[in-house]
N, C-alpha and C. Protein backbone atom coordinates (compact mmCIF):
# COMPACT_ATOMS: atom_id res chain seq x y z
N UNK A 1 18.68 63.64 25.14
CA UNK A 1 19.16 62.93 26.34
C UNK A 1 19.31 63.92 27.49
N UNK A 2 18.77 63.57 28.66
CA UNK A 2 18.73 64.47 29.81
C UNK A 2 19.49 63.86 30.97
N UNK A 3 20.33 64.68 31.61
CA UNK A 3 21.24 64.19 32.64
C UNK A 3 21.15 65.04 33.91
N UNK A 4 21.27 64.37 35.06
CA UNK A 4 21.43 65.04 36.35
C UNK A 4 22.84 64.76 36.85
N UNK A 5 23.50 65.78 37.41
CA UNK A 5 24.86 65.63 37.91
C UNK A 5 24.90 65.92 39.40
N UNK A 6 25.47 65.00 40.16
CA UNK A 6 25.68 65.19 41.60
C UNK A 6 27.19 65.24 41.84
N UNK A 7 27.71 66.43 42.07
CA UNK A 7 29.15 66.64 42.24
C UNK A 7 29.34 67.91 43.06
N UNK A 8 30.09 67.81 44.17
CA UNK A 8 30.23 68.98 45.05
C UNK A 8 31.27 69.97 44.56
N UNK A 9 32.19 69.54 43.70
CA UNK A 9 33.18 70.46 43.15
C UNK A 9 32.55 71.27 42.02
N UNK A 10 32.43 72.58 42.22
CA UNK A 10 31.79 73.44 41.22
C UNK A 10 32.54 73.39 39.89
N UNK A 11 33.87 73.40 39.96
CA UNK A 11 34.66 73.39 38.73
C UNK A 11 34.43 72.13 37.92
N UNK A 12 34.48 70.98 38.58
CA UNK A 12 34.27 69.72 37.87
C UNK A 12 32.83 69.63 37.37
N UNK A 13 31.90 70.08 38.19
CA UNK A 13 30.49 70.02 37.81
C UNK A 13 30.23 70.84 36.55
N UNK A 14 30.74 72.07 36.54
CA UNK A 14 30.53 72.93 35.37
C UNK A 14 31.29 72.40 34.16
N UNK A 15 32.45 71.79 34.41
CA UNK A 15 33.19 71.18 33.31
C UNK A 15 32.41 70.04 32.67
N UNK A 16 31.76 69.23 33.50
CA UNK A 16 30.95 68.14 32.98
C UNK A 16 29.76 68.67 32.18
N UNK A 17 29.13 69.72 32.70
CA UNK A 17 28.00 70.33 31.99
C UNK A 17 28.43 70.77 30.60
N UNK A 18 29.61 71.42 30.51
CA UNK A 18 30.11 71.90 29.22
C UNK A 18 30.44 70.75 28.28
N UNK A 19 31.10 69.70 28.80
CA UNK A 19 31.42 68.54 27.97
C UNK A 19 30.16 67.90 27.41
N UNK A 20 29.16 67.75 28.26
CA UNK A 20 27.92 67.13 27.82
C UNK A 20 27.19 68.01 26.80
N UNK A 21 27.18 69.32 27.05
CA UNK A 21 26.51 70.24 26.13
C UNK A 21 27.16 70.18 24.75
N UNK A 22 28.46 70.08 24.71
CA UNK A 22 29.17 70.00 23.43
C UNK A 22 28.80 68.73 22.66
N UNK A 23 28.29 67.73 23.39
CA UNK A 23 27.87 66.48 22.75
C UNK A 23 26.35 66.43 22.61
N UNK A 24 25.70 67.60 22.73
CA UNK A 24 24.24 67.71 22.60
C UNK A 24 23.50 66.90 23.65
N UNK A 25 24.07 66.86 24.86
CA UNK A 25 23.42 66.19 25.99
C UNK A 25 23.04 67.27 26.99
N UNK A 26 21.76 67.32 27.36
CA UNK A 26 21.25 68.38 28.22
C UNK A 26 21.38 68.02 29.70
N UNK A 27 21.93 68.92 30.49
CA UNK A 27 21.97 68.75 31.94
C UNK A 27 20.76 69.46 32.53
N UNK A 28 19.85 68.70 33.11
CA UNK A 28 18.59 69.28 33.61
C UNK A 28 18.66 69.59 35.10
N UNK A 29 19.73 69.15 35.78
CA UNK A 29 19.85 69.45 37.20
C UNK A 29 21.25 69.18 37.69
N UNK A 30 21.76 70.06 38.58
CA UNK A 30 23.07 69.85 39.21
C UNK A 30 22.89 70.03 40.71
N UNK A 31 23.48 69.12 41.49
CA UNK A 31 23.39 69.17 42.95
C UNK A 31 24.76 68.87 43.54
N UNK A 32 24.90 69.14 44.84
CA UNK A 32 26.19 68.96 45.48
C UNK A 32 26.21 67.98 46.63
N UNK A 33 25.11 67.21 46.81
CA UNK A 33 25.10 66.23 47.89
C UNK A 33 24.15 65.08 47.56
N UNK A 34 24.18 64.03 48.39
CA UNK A 34 23.38 62.85 48.16
C UNK A 34 21.88 63.09 48.17
N UNK A 35 21.34 63.75 49.22
CA UNK A 35 19.91 64.02 49.24
C UNK A 35 19.45 64.83 48.03
N UNK A 36 20.32 65.75 47.58
CA UNK A 36 19.99 66.54 46.40
C UNK A 36 19.85 65.66 45.16
N UNK A 37 20.71 64.63 45.07
CA UNK A 37 20.63 63.70 43.95
C UNK A 37 19.28 62.99 43.94
N UNK A 38 18.88 62.49 45.09
CA UNK A 38 17.62 61.75 45.18
C UNK A 38 16.44 62.65 44.77
N UNK A 39 16.45 63.89 45.24
CA UNK A 39 15.38 64.82 44.88
C UNK A 39 15.40 65.15 43.40
N UNK A 40 16.60 65.35 42.85
CA UNK A 40 16.72 65.73 41.45
C UNK A 40 16.24 64.61 40.52
N UNK A 41 16.55 63.37 40.88
CA UNK A 41 16.11 62.24 40.06
C UNK A 41 14.59 62.12 40.12
N UNK A 42 14.01 62.30 41.30
CA UNK A 42 12.56 62.23 41.43
C UNK A 42 11.89 63.33 40.62
N UNK A 43 12.49 64.52 40.63
CA UNK A 43 11.89 65.66 39.94
C UNK A 43 12.03 65.58 38.43
N UNK A 44 13.24 65.24 37.96
CA UNK A 44 13.52 65.34 36.52
C UNK A 44 13.39 64.02 35.77
N UNK A 45 13.45 62.88 36.48
CA UNK A 45 13.42 61.57 35.83
C UNK A 45 14.39 61.56 34.63
N UNK A 46 15.67 61.76 34.89
CA UNK A 46 16.65 61.90 33.80
C UNK A 46 16.96 60.57 33.12
N UNK A 47 17.56 60.66 31.95
CA UNK A 47 18.03 59.47 31.25
C UNK A 47 19.27 58.89 31.91
N UNK A 48 19.98 59.74 32.67
CA UNK A 48 21.20 59.29 33.35
C UNK A 48 21.50 60.20 34.53
N UNK A 49 21.97 59.60 35.63
CA UNK A 49 22.48 60.38 36.77
C UNK A 49 23.98 60.14 36.87
N UNK A 50 24.74 61.21 36.87
CA UNK A 50 26.20 61.13 37.03
C UNK A 50 26.51 61.53 38.47
N UNK A 51 27.19 60.65 39.20
CA UNK A 51 27.30 60.80 40.65
C UNK A 51 28.75 60.71 41.11
N UNK A 52 29.17 61.70 41.91
CA UNK A 52 30.47 61.62 42.58
C UNK A 52 30.31 60.75 43.82
N UNK A 53 31.37 60.04 44.20
CA UNK A 53 31.30 59.16 45.37
C UNK A 53 31.35 59.96 46.66
N UNK A 54 32.33 60.84 46.78
CA UNK A 54 32.59 61.53 48.05
C UNK A 54 32.02 62.94 48.02
N UNK A 55 30.95 63.13 48.81
CA UNK A 55 30.28 64.43 48.86
C UNK A 55 29.99 64.79 50.32
N UNK A 56 29.54 66.04 50.57
CA UNK A 56 29.23 66.44 51.93
C UNK A 56 28.14 65.56 52.54
N UNK A 57 28.11 65.43 53.89
CA UNK A 57 28.94 66.18 54.84
C UNK A 57 30.26 65.50 55.21
N UNK A 58 30.38 64.19 55.06
CA UNK A 58 31.58 63.51 55.55
C UNK A 58 32.62 63.24 54.47
N UNK A 59 32.24 63.44 53.20
CA UNK A 59 33.15 63.21 52.07
C UNK A 59 33.73 61.79 52.09
N UNK A 60 32.87 60.83 52.35
CA UNK A 60 33.31 59.43 52.32
C UNK A 60 32.60 58.67 51.21
N UNK A 61 31.34 58.31 51.43
CA UNK A 61 30.65 57.48 50.44
C UNK A 61 29.20 57.92 50.21
N UNK A 62 28.91 59.20 50.52
CA UNK A 62 27.54 59.68 50.41
C UNK A 62 26.96 59.51 49.01
N UNK A 63 27.77 59.78 47.99
CA UNK A 63 27.30 59.68 46.62
C UNK A 63 26.88 58.27 46.25
N UNK A 64 27.72 57.30 46.61
CA UNK A 64 27.40 55.91 46.28
C UNK A 64 26.17 55.43 47.04
N UNK A 65 26.06 55.83 48.30
CA UNK A 65 24.89 55.41 49.07
C UNK A 65 23.61 56.02 48.49
N UNK A 66 23.72 57.28 48.04
CA UNK A 66 22.56 57.92 47.41
C UNK A 66 22.23 57.23 46.09
N UNK A 67 23.25 56.83 45.34
CA UNK A 67 23.03 56.12 44.08
C UNK A 67 22.31 54.80 44.33
N UNK A 68 22.71 54.10 45.37
CA UNK A 68 22.04 52.84 45.71
C UNK A 68 20.59 53.07 46.10
N UNK A 69 20.33 54.17 46.82
CA UNK A 69 18.96 54.48 47.21
C UNK A 69 18.11 54.81 45.98
N UNK A 70 18.71 55.53 45.03
CA UNK A 70 18.01 55.85 43.79
C UNK A 70 17.65 54.57 43.04
N UNK A 71 18.60 53.64 42.97
CA UNK A 71 18.36 52.39 42.24
C UNK A 71 17.31 51.52 42.94
N UNK A 72 17.26 51.59 44.27
CA UNK A 72 16.23 50.84 44.98
C UNK A 72 14.85 51.38 44.65
N UNK A 73 14.76 52.72 44.56
CA UNK A 73 13.47 53.35 44.26
C UNK A 73 13.13 53.25 42.78
N UNK A 74 14.16 53.32 41.93
CA UNK A 74 13.96 53.29 40.47
C UNK A 74 14.98 52.31 39.89
N UNK A 75 14.70 51.01 39.93
CA UNK A 75 15.69 50.00 39.51
C UNK A 75 16.22 50.17 38.10
N UNK A 76 15.45 50.82 37.23
CA UNK A 76 15.88 50.98 35.84
C UNK A 76 16.65 52.29 35.60
N UNK A 77 16.84 53.09 36.65
CA UNK A 77 17.50 54.37 36.49
C UNK A 77 18.99 54.19 36.17
N UNK A 78 19.44 54.59 34.98
CA UNK A 78 20.87 54.49 34.66
C UNK A 78 21.70 55.44 35.54
N UNK A 79 22.82 54.94 36.01
CA UNK A 79 23.69 55.72 36.90
C UNK A 79 25.15 55.53 36.50
N UNK A 80 25.86 56.63 36.41
CA UNK A 80 27.30 56.60 36.18
C UNK A 80 27.99 57.19 37.40
N UNK A 81 28.77 56.37 38.08
CA UNK A 81 29.52 56.82 39.25
C UNK A 81 30.91 57.25 38.81
N UNK A 82 31.29 58.44 39.22
CA UNK A 82 32.64 58.93 38.97
C UNK A 82 33.37 59.02 40.30
N UNK A 83 34.56 58.48 40.38
CA UNK A 83 35.28 58.46 41.66
C UNK A 83 36.77 58.65 41.44
N UNK A 84 37.40 59.22 42.44
CA UNK A 84 38.86 59.32 42.42
C UNK A 84 39.48 58.03 42.92
N UNK A 85 38.68 57.23 43.63
CA UNK A 85 39.15 55.99 44.23
C UNK A 85 38.16 54.87 43.93
N UNK A 86 38.59 53.64 44.15
CA UNK A 86 37.71 52.48 44.02
C UNK A 86 37.14 52.15 45.39
N UNK A 87 35.84 52.35 45.56
CA UNK A 87 35.16 52.01 46.81
C UNK A 87 34.59 50.60 46.62
N UNK A 88 35.34 49.58 47.04
CA UNK A 88 35.00 48.21 46.68
C UNK A 88 33.63 47.77 47.18
N UNK A 89 33.34 48.05 48.44
CA UNK A 89 32.09 47.53 49.02
C UNK A 89 30.88 48.02 48.26
N UNK A 90 30.79 49.35 48.07
CA UNK A 90 29.59 49.89 47.44
C UNK A 90 29.60 49.67 45.94
N UNK A 91 30.78 49.57 45.34
CA UNK A 91 30.84 49.24 43.92
C UNK A 91 30.24 47.86 43.69
N UNK A 92 30.58 46.92 44.56
CA UNK A 92 30.03 45.57 44.46
C UNK A 92 28.51 45.59 44.64
N UNK A 93 28.03 46.37 45.61
CA UNK A 93 26.59 46.47 45.84
C UNK A 93 25.88 47.04 44.62
N UNK A 94 26.44 48.09 44.05
CA UNK A 94 25.81 48.76 42.92
C UNK A 94 25.76 47.85 41.71
N UNK A 95 26.88 47.21 41.41
CA UNK A 95 26.95 46.34 40.24
C UNK A 95 26.16 45.05 40.48
N UNK A 96 26.25 44.53 41.70
CA UNK A 96 25.62 43.26 42.00
C UNK A 96 24.10 43.31 42.02
N UNK A 97 23.54 44.51 42.22
CA UNK A 97 22.09 44.64 42.26
C UNK A 97 21.46 44.77 40.88
N UNK A 98 22.23 44.47 39.85
CA UNK A 98 21.73 44.59 38.48
C UNK A 98 22.61 45.54 37.72
N UNK A 99 23.42 45.03 36.82
CA UNK A 99 24.44 45.86 36.17
C UNK A 99 23.92 46.63 34.96
N UNK A 100 22.66 46.42 34.57
CA UNK A 100 22.14 47.14 33.43
C UNK A 100 22.04 48.63 33.75
N UNK A 101 22.58 49.46 32.85
CA UNK A 101 22.52 50.89 33.07
C UNK A 101 23.36 51.36 34.23
N UNK A 102 24.50 50.73 34.42
CA UNK A 102 25.40 51.10 35.51
C UNK A 102 26.81 51.34 34.98
N UNK A 103 27.43 52.40 35.46
CA UNK A 103 28.83 52.66 35.11
C UNK A 103 29.60 53.06 36.34
N UNK A 104 30.88 52.71 36.39
CA UNK A 104 31.77 53.11 37.49
C UNK A 104 33.11 53.43 36.85
N UNK A 105 33.41 54.72 36.76
CA UNK A 105 34.64 55.16 36.13
C UNK A 105 35.46 56.01 37.09
N UNK A 106 36.77 55.89 37.01
CA UNK A 106 37.63 56.80 37.75
C UNK A 106 37.65 58.15 37.02
N UNK A 107 37.77 59.22 37.79
CA UNK A 107 37.65 60.56 37.22
C UNK A 107 38.70 60.85 36.16
N UNK A 108 39.83 60.17 36.24
CA UNK A 108 40.87 60.41 35.24
C UNK A 108 40.40 60.05 33.84
N UNK A 109 39.37 59.20 33.73
CA UNK A 109 38.86 58.80 32.41
C UNK A 109 38.17 59.96 31.71
N UNK A 110 37.72 60.96 32.46
CA UNK A 110 37.03 62.09 31.86
C UNK A 110 37.95 62.86 30.93
N UNK A 111 39.25 62.73 31.14
CA UNK A 111 40.21 63.44 30.30
C UNK A 111 40.15 62.98 28.85
N UNK A 112 39.70 61.75 28.63
CA UNK A 112 39.47 61.27 27.27
C UNK A 112 38.00 61.54 26.95
N UNK A 113 37.74 62.69 26.35
CA UNK A 113 36.37 63.15 26.17
C UNK A 113 35.54 62.18 25.33
N UNK A 114 36.12 61.70 24.25
CA UNK A 114 35.39 60.78 23.38
C UNK A 114 34.99 59.52 24.11
N UNK A 115 35.92 58.97 24.89
CA UNK A 115 35.64 57.75 25.64
C UNK A 115 34.57 58.00 26.70
N UNK A 116 34.65 59.17 27.34
CA UNK A 116 33.69 59.50 28.39
C UNK A 116 32.27 59.65 27.81
N UNK A 117 32.14 60.39 26.72
CA UNK A 117 30.82 60.59 26.10
C UNK A 117 30.26 59.28 25.60
N UNK A 118 31.11 58.43 25.07
CA UNK A 118 30.66 57.12 24.62
C UNK A 118 30.12 56.31 25.80
N UNK A 119 30.82 56.38 26.95
CA UNK A 119 30.36 55.67 28.15
C UNK A 119 29.02 56.22 28.61
N UNK A 120 28.87 57.54 28.60
CA UNK A 120 27.61 58.17 29.00
C UNK A 120 26.45 57.64 28.16
N UNK A 121 26.64 57.61 26.85
CA UNK A 121 25.56 57.16 25.96
C UNK A 121 25.25 55.67 26.16
N UNK A 122 26.28 54.87 26.34
CA UNK A 122 26.07 53.43 26.51
C UNK A 122 25.32 53.12 27.80
N UNK A 123 25.69 53.80 28.88
CA UNK A 123 25.03 53.55 30.17
C UNK A 123 23.58 54.00 30.12
N UNK A 124 23.34 55.19 29.53
CA UNK A 124 21.97 55.70 29.41
C UNK A 124 21.10 54.75 28.60
N UNK A 125 21.71 54.02 27.67
CA UNK A 125 20.97 53.08 26.83
C UNK A 125 20.80 51.72 27.50
N UNK A 126 21.28 51.61 28.75
CA UNK A 126 21.13 50.36 29.48
C UNK A 126 22.35 49.48 29.51
N UNK A 127 23.47 49.99 28.98
CA UNK A 127 24.70 49.21 28.98
C UNK A 127 25.45 49.32 30.29
N UNK A 128 26.57 48.63 30.35
CA UNK A 128 27.41 48.62 31.55
C UNK A 128 28.82 49.02 31.17
N UNK A 129 29.38 49.98 31.90
CA UNK A 129 30.75 50.42 31.65
C UNK A 129 31.48 50.48 32.99
N UNK A 130 32.42 49.57 33.20
CA UNK A 130 33.16 49.52 34.46
C UNK A 130 34.63 49.76 34.17
N UNK A 131 35.24 50.67 34.91
CA UNK A 131 36.65 50.99 34.74
C UNK A 131 37.51 49.75 34.93
N UNK A 132 38.49 49.52 34.06
CA UNK A 132 39.37 48.35 34.21
C UNK A 132 40.02 48.24 35.58
N UNK A 133 40.36 49.38 36.18
CA UNK A 133 40.99 49.32 37.51
C UNK A 133 39.99 48.86 38.56
N UNK A 134 38.73 49.25 38.41
CA UNK A 134 37.70 48.78 39.34
C UNK A 134 37.54 47.28 39.22
N UNK A 135 37.48 46.79 37.99
CA UNK A 135 37.35 45.35 37.76
C UNK A 135 38.52 44.61 38.39
N UNK A 136 39.74 45.14 38.19
CA UNK A 136 40.93 44.50 38.74
C UNK A 136 40.87 44.38 40.24
N UNK A 137 40.46 45.45 40.91
CA UNK A 137 40.41 45.42 42.37
C UNK A 137 39.31 44.50 42.88
N UNK A 138 38.15 44.51 42.22
CA UNK A 138 37.07 43.64 42.66
C UNK A 138 37.41 42.17 42.44
N UNK A 139 38.04 41.87 41.31
CA UNK A 139 38.46 40.49 41.06
C UNK A 139 39.54 40.07 42.04
N UNK A 140 40.45 41.00 42.36
CA UNK A 140 41.49 40.69 43.33
C UNK A 140 40.92 40.37 44.68
N UNK A 141 39.89 41.11 45.08
CA UNK A 141 39.24 40.84 46.36
C UNK A 141 38.55 39.48 46.33
N UNK A 142 37.89 39.18 45.19
CA UNK A 142 37.19 37.90 45.10
C UNK A 142 38.17 36.73 45.15
N UNK A 143 39.30 36.88 44.42
CA UNK A 143 40.29 35.80 44.43
C UNK A 143 40.80 35.57 45.84
N UNK A 144 41.04 36.65 46.57
CA UNK A 144 41.55 36.51 47.93
C UNK A 144 40.52 35.86 48.83
N UNK A 145 39.23 36.22 48.61
CA UNK A 145 38.17 35.59 49.39
C UNK A 145 38.07 34.11 49.08
N UNK A 146 38.21 33.74 47.79
CA UNK A 146 38.17 32.33 47.41
C UNK A 146 39.32 31.56 48.06
N UNK A 147 40.45 32.21 48.17
CA UNK A 147 41.62 31.52 48.73
C UNK A 147 41.44 31.20 50.20
N UNK A 148 40.52 31.88 50.87
CA UNK A 148 40.27 31.54 52.26
C UNK A 148 39.83 30.10 52.40
N UNK A 149 39.21 29.57 51.35
CA UNK A 149 38.74 28.19 51.39
C UNK A 149 39.92 27.21 51.47
N UNK A 150 41.12 27.69 51.07
CA UNK A 150 42.29 26.81 51.11
C UNK A 150 42.91 26.72 52.50
N UNK A 151 42.46 27.60 53.41
CA UNK A 151 43.03 27.59 54.75
C UNK A 151 42.53 26.37 55.54
N UNK A 152 43.41 25.82 56.37
CA UNK A 152 43.02 24.73 57.25
C UNK A 152 42.16 25.30 58.40
N UNK A 153 41.42 24.45 59.09
CA UNK A 153 40.63 24.93 60.24
C UNK A 153 41.49 25.69 61.25
N UNK A 154 42.70 25.20 61.51
CA UNK A 154 43.57 25.89 62.47
C UNK A 154 44.01 27.25 61.94
N UNK A 155 44.32 27.32 60.64
CA UNK A 155 44.73 28.60 60.06
C UNK A 155 43.57 29.60 60.10
N UNK A 156 42.35 29.12 59.88
CA UNK A 156 41.19 30.00 59.98
C UNK A 156 41.01 30.49 61.42
N UNK A 157 41.29 29.62 62.36
CA UNK A 157 41.19 29.99 63.77
C UNK A 157 42.21 31.07 64.10
N UNK A 158 43.43 30.89 63.61
CA UNK A 158 44.48 31.89 63.83
C UNK A 158 44.08 33.22 63.20
N UNK A 159 43.58 33.16 61.95
CA UNK A 159 43.19 34.40 61.26
C UNK A 159 42.04 35.09 61.98
N UNK A 160 41.12 34.30 62.51
CA UNK A 160 40.02 34.88 63.28
C UNK A 160 40.51 35.63 64.51
N UNK A 161 41.51 35.07 65.19
CA UNK A 161 42.09 35.74 66.36
C UNK A 161 42.88 36.97 65.95
N UNK A 162 43.55 36.89 64.79
CA UNK A 162 44.23 38.08 64.26
C UNK A 162 43.23 39.21 64.02
N UNK A 163 42.03 38.84 63.51
CA UNK A 163 41.00 39.83 63.23
C UNK A 163 40.50 40.49 64.51
N UNK A 164 40.67 39.79 65.65
CA UNK A 164 40.28 40.36 66.94
C UNK A 164 41.37 41.25 67.52
N UNK A 165 42.48 41.39 66.77
CA UNK A 165 43.58 42.24 67.22
C UNK A 165 44.55 41.56 68.16
N UNK A 166 44.50 40.21 68.25
CA UNK A 166 45.37 39.50 69.18
C UNK A 166 46.79 39.43 68.63
N UNK A 167 47.76 39.53 69.52
CA UNK A 167 49.17 39.39 69.15
C UNK A 167 49.49 37.90 68.98
N UNK A 168 50.68 37.62 68.41
CA UNK A 168 51.09 36.23 68.25
C UNK A 168 51.16 35.52 69.60
N UNK A 169 51.67 36.22 70.61
CA UNK A 169 51.79 35.61 71.94
C UNK A 169 50.40 35.29 72.51
N UNK A 170 49.46 36.20 72.33
CA UNK A 170 48.10 35.98 72.83
C UNK A 170 47.43 34.82 72.09
N UNK A 171 47.65 34.77 70.77
CA UNK A 171 47.08 33.67 69.99
C UNK A 171 47.65 32.34 70.47
N UNK A 172 48.96 32.31 70.73
CA UNK A 172 49.60 31.08 71.20
C UNK A 172 49.00 30.64 72.53
N UNK A 173 48.74 31.59 73.43
CA UNK A 173 48.14 31.24 74.73
C UNK A 173 46.73 30.69 74.54
N UNK A 174 45.96 31.35 73.67
CA UNK A 174 44.58 30.92 73.46
C UNK A 174 44.51 29.52 72.86
N UNK A 175 45.42 29.21 71.95
CA UNK A 175 45.38 27.93 71.26
C UNK A 175 46.25 26.87 71.94
N UNK A 176 46.95 27.30 72.99
CA UNK A 176 47.85 26.40 73.73
C UNK A 176 48.87 25.77 72.77
N UNK A 177 49.55 26.65 72.03
CA UNK A 177 50.64 26.23 71.14
C UNK A 177 51.79 27.21 71.33
N UNK A 178 52.91 26.94 70.69
CA UNK A 178 54.06 27.84 70.81
C UNK A 178 53.90 29.03 69.86
N UNK A 179 54.61 30.10 70.15
CA UNK A 179 54.59 31.25 69.25
C UNK A 179 55.17 30.86 67.89
N UNK A 180 56.12 29.94 67.89
CA UNK A 180 56.69 29.48 66.63
C UNK A 180 55.64 28.82 65.75
N UNK A 181 54.75 28.05 66.38
CA UNK A 181 53.67 27.40 65.64
C UNK A 181 52.72 28.45 65.06
N UNK A 182 52.44 29.49 65.84
CA UNK A 182 51.56 30.56 65.36
C UNK A 182 52.20 31.27 64.18
N UNK A 183 53.49 31.55 64.28
CA UNK A 183 54.20 32.22 63.18
C UNK A 183 54.15 31.38 61.91
N UNK A 184 54.26 30.07 62.06
CA UNK A 184 54.20 29.18 60.90
C UNK A 184 52.81 29.22 60.28
N UNK A 185 51.77 29.21 61.11
CA UNK A 185 50.41 29.30 60.59
C UNK A 185 50.20 30.62 59.84
N UNK A 186 50.72 31.69 60.41
CA UNK A 186 50.55 33.01 59.77
C UNK A 186 51.29 33.06 58.44
N UNK A 187 52.47 32.48 58.39
CA UNK A 187 53.20 32.42 57.12
C UNK A 187 52.41 31.67 56.07
N UNK A 188 51.78 30.56 56.48
CA UNK A 188 50.96 29.79 55.55
C UNK A 188 49.74 30.59 55.08
N UNK A 189 49.18 31.37 55.99
CA UNK A 189 48.03 32.21 55.64
C UNK A 189 48.44 33.23 54.58
N UNK A 190 49.57 33.89 54.81
CA UNK A 190 50.06 34.87 53.83
C UNK A 190 50.28 34.22 52.47
N UNK A 191 50.85 33.03 52.48
CA UNK A 191 51.14 32.33 51.23
C UNK A 191 49.85 31.98 50.50
N UNK A 192 48.88 31.43 51.22
CA UNK A 192 47.63 31.01 50.58
C UNK A 192 46.77 32.18 50.12
N UNK A 193 46.91 33.32 50.78
CA UNK A 193 46.15 34.50 50.38
C UNK A 193 46.90 35.35 49.37
N UNK A 194 48.04 34.85 48.92
CA UNK A 194 48.86 35.55 47.93
C UNK A 194 49.22 36.95 48.42
N UNK A 195 49.83 37.00 49.61
CA UNK A 195 50.25 38.26 50.21
C UNK A 195 51.76 38.25 50.42
N UNK A 196 52.53 38.48 49.35
CA UNK A 196 53.99 38.50 49.50
C UNK A 196 54.43 39.73 50.27
N UNK A 197 55.61 39.69 50.87
CA UNK A 197 56.09 40.86 51.61
C UNK A 197 56.37 42.03 50.67
N UNK A 198 55.87 43.22 51.03
CA UNK A 198 56.14 44.44 50.27
C UNK A 198 56.38 45.58 51.24
N UNK A 199 56.92 46.67 50.72
CA UNK A 199 57.14 47.86 51.56
C UNK A 199 55.89 48.72 51.65
N UNK A 200 54.90 48.45 50.77
CA UNK A 200 53.73 49.31 50.70
C UNK A 200 52.55 48.81 51.53
N UNK A 201 52.42 47.49 51.70
CA UNK A 201 51.25 46.93 52.37
C UNK A 201 51.63 46.18 53.64
N UNK A 202 50.78 46.25 54.64
CA UNK A 202 50.94 45.52 55.88
C UNK A 202 50.20 44.20 55.72
N UNK A 203 50.93 43.10 55.59
CA UNK A 203 50.30 41.82 55.26
C UNK A 203 49.29 41.37 56.30
N UNK A 204 49.59 41.62 57.56
CA UNK A 204 48.66 41.20 58.62
C UNK A 204 47.32 41.90 58.45
N UNK A 205 47.37 43.20 58.17
CA UNK A 205 46.14 43.96 57.97
C UNK A 205 45.40 43.47 56.72
N UNK A 206 46.14 43.22 55.64
CA UNK A 206 45.52 42.76 54.40
C UNK A 206 44.84 41.40 54.60
N UNK A 207 45.47 40.53 55.36
CA UNK A 207 44.88 39.21 55.62
C UNK A 207 43.60 39.36 56.43
N UNK A 208 43.62 40.21 57.43
CA UNK A 208 42.44 40.43 58.27
C UNK A 208 41.30 41.02 57.43
N UNK A 209 41.62 41.97 56.53
CA UNK A 209 40.60 42.55 55.66
C UNK A 209 39.96 41.49 54.78
N UNK A 210 40.78 40.59 54.23
CA UNK A 210 40.25 39.51 53.41
C UNK A 210 39.30 38.64 54.22
N UNK A 211 39.67 38.37 55.45
CA UNK A 211 38.84 37.54 56.35
C UNK A 211 37.50 38.24 56.64
N UNK A 212 37.55 39.54 56.95
CA UNK A 212 36.34 40.28 57.30
C UNK A 212 35.40 40.39 56.10
N UNK A 213 35.97 40.61 54.92
CA UNK A 213 35.13 40.75 53.73
C UNK A 213 34.44 39.45 53.37
N UNK A 214 35.09 38.33 53.68
CA UNK A 214 34.52 37.03 53.35
C UNK A 214 33.53 36.57 54.40
N UNK A 215 33.46 37.27 55.52
CA UNK A 215 32.56 36.87 56.60
C UNK A 215 31.53 37.97 56.87
């Protein structure tokens, strides 16, 4: 079994090489950025590409975008994405374009060596391994998007104006209603989108994100 690794952290990259070698899995190429991944896959045609999400130059989503480009060029290429965070948009794109030979694991899973090696072998064989936390977040996003269907036309109108950054007073002027009516609509929106008050999340922002993702 032959593997290419795209990871900008030298320590993690070399650690992965050692873990794989101990399991008799050969690393045929290591790179530190997205373009390097694309070149390495073209050159080595590996059984699996292991890809970090955040790599140079911007350390945002270069790895995932490179993985998507690899899959477009080689739809059957198995890919395992390792991430410190759940990047919902690109995770959905990667999985949605054909889940065979696709994995998305949080880096903390590497600490369980047996589980990690098992995932590597399963993905290379065409299986799918998705981290439970990734599944939870993607399902949570889908549920919230589905709940948008429960909004009334007026509530959707209010949410659309919220997405434009309008204040309650501005929304009231635009819709020719009282601010109290706008506040009631917003409360209903929060309720239908299952956004209870918390100290950690800004409900207005979360509601707008749900609206933007569904549109």
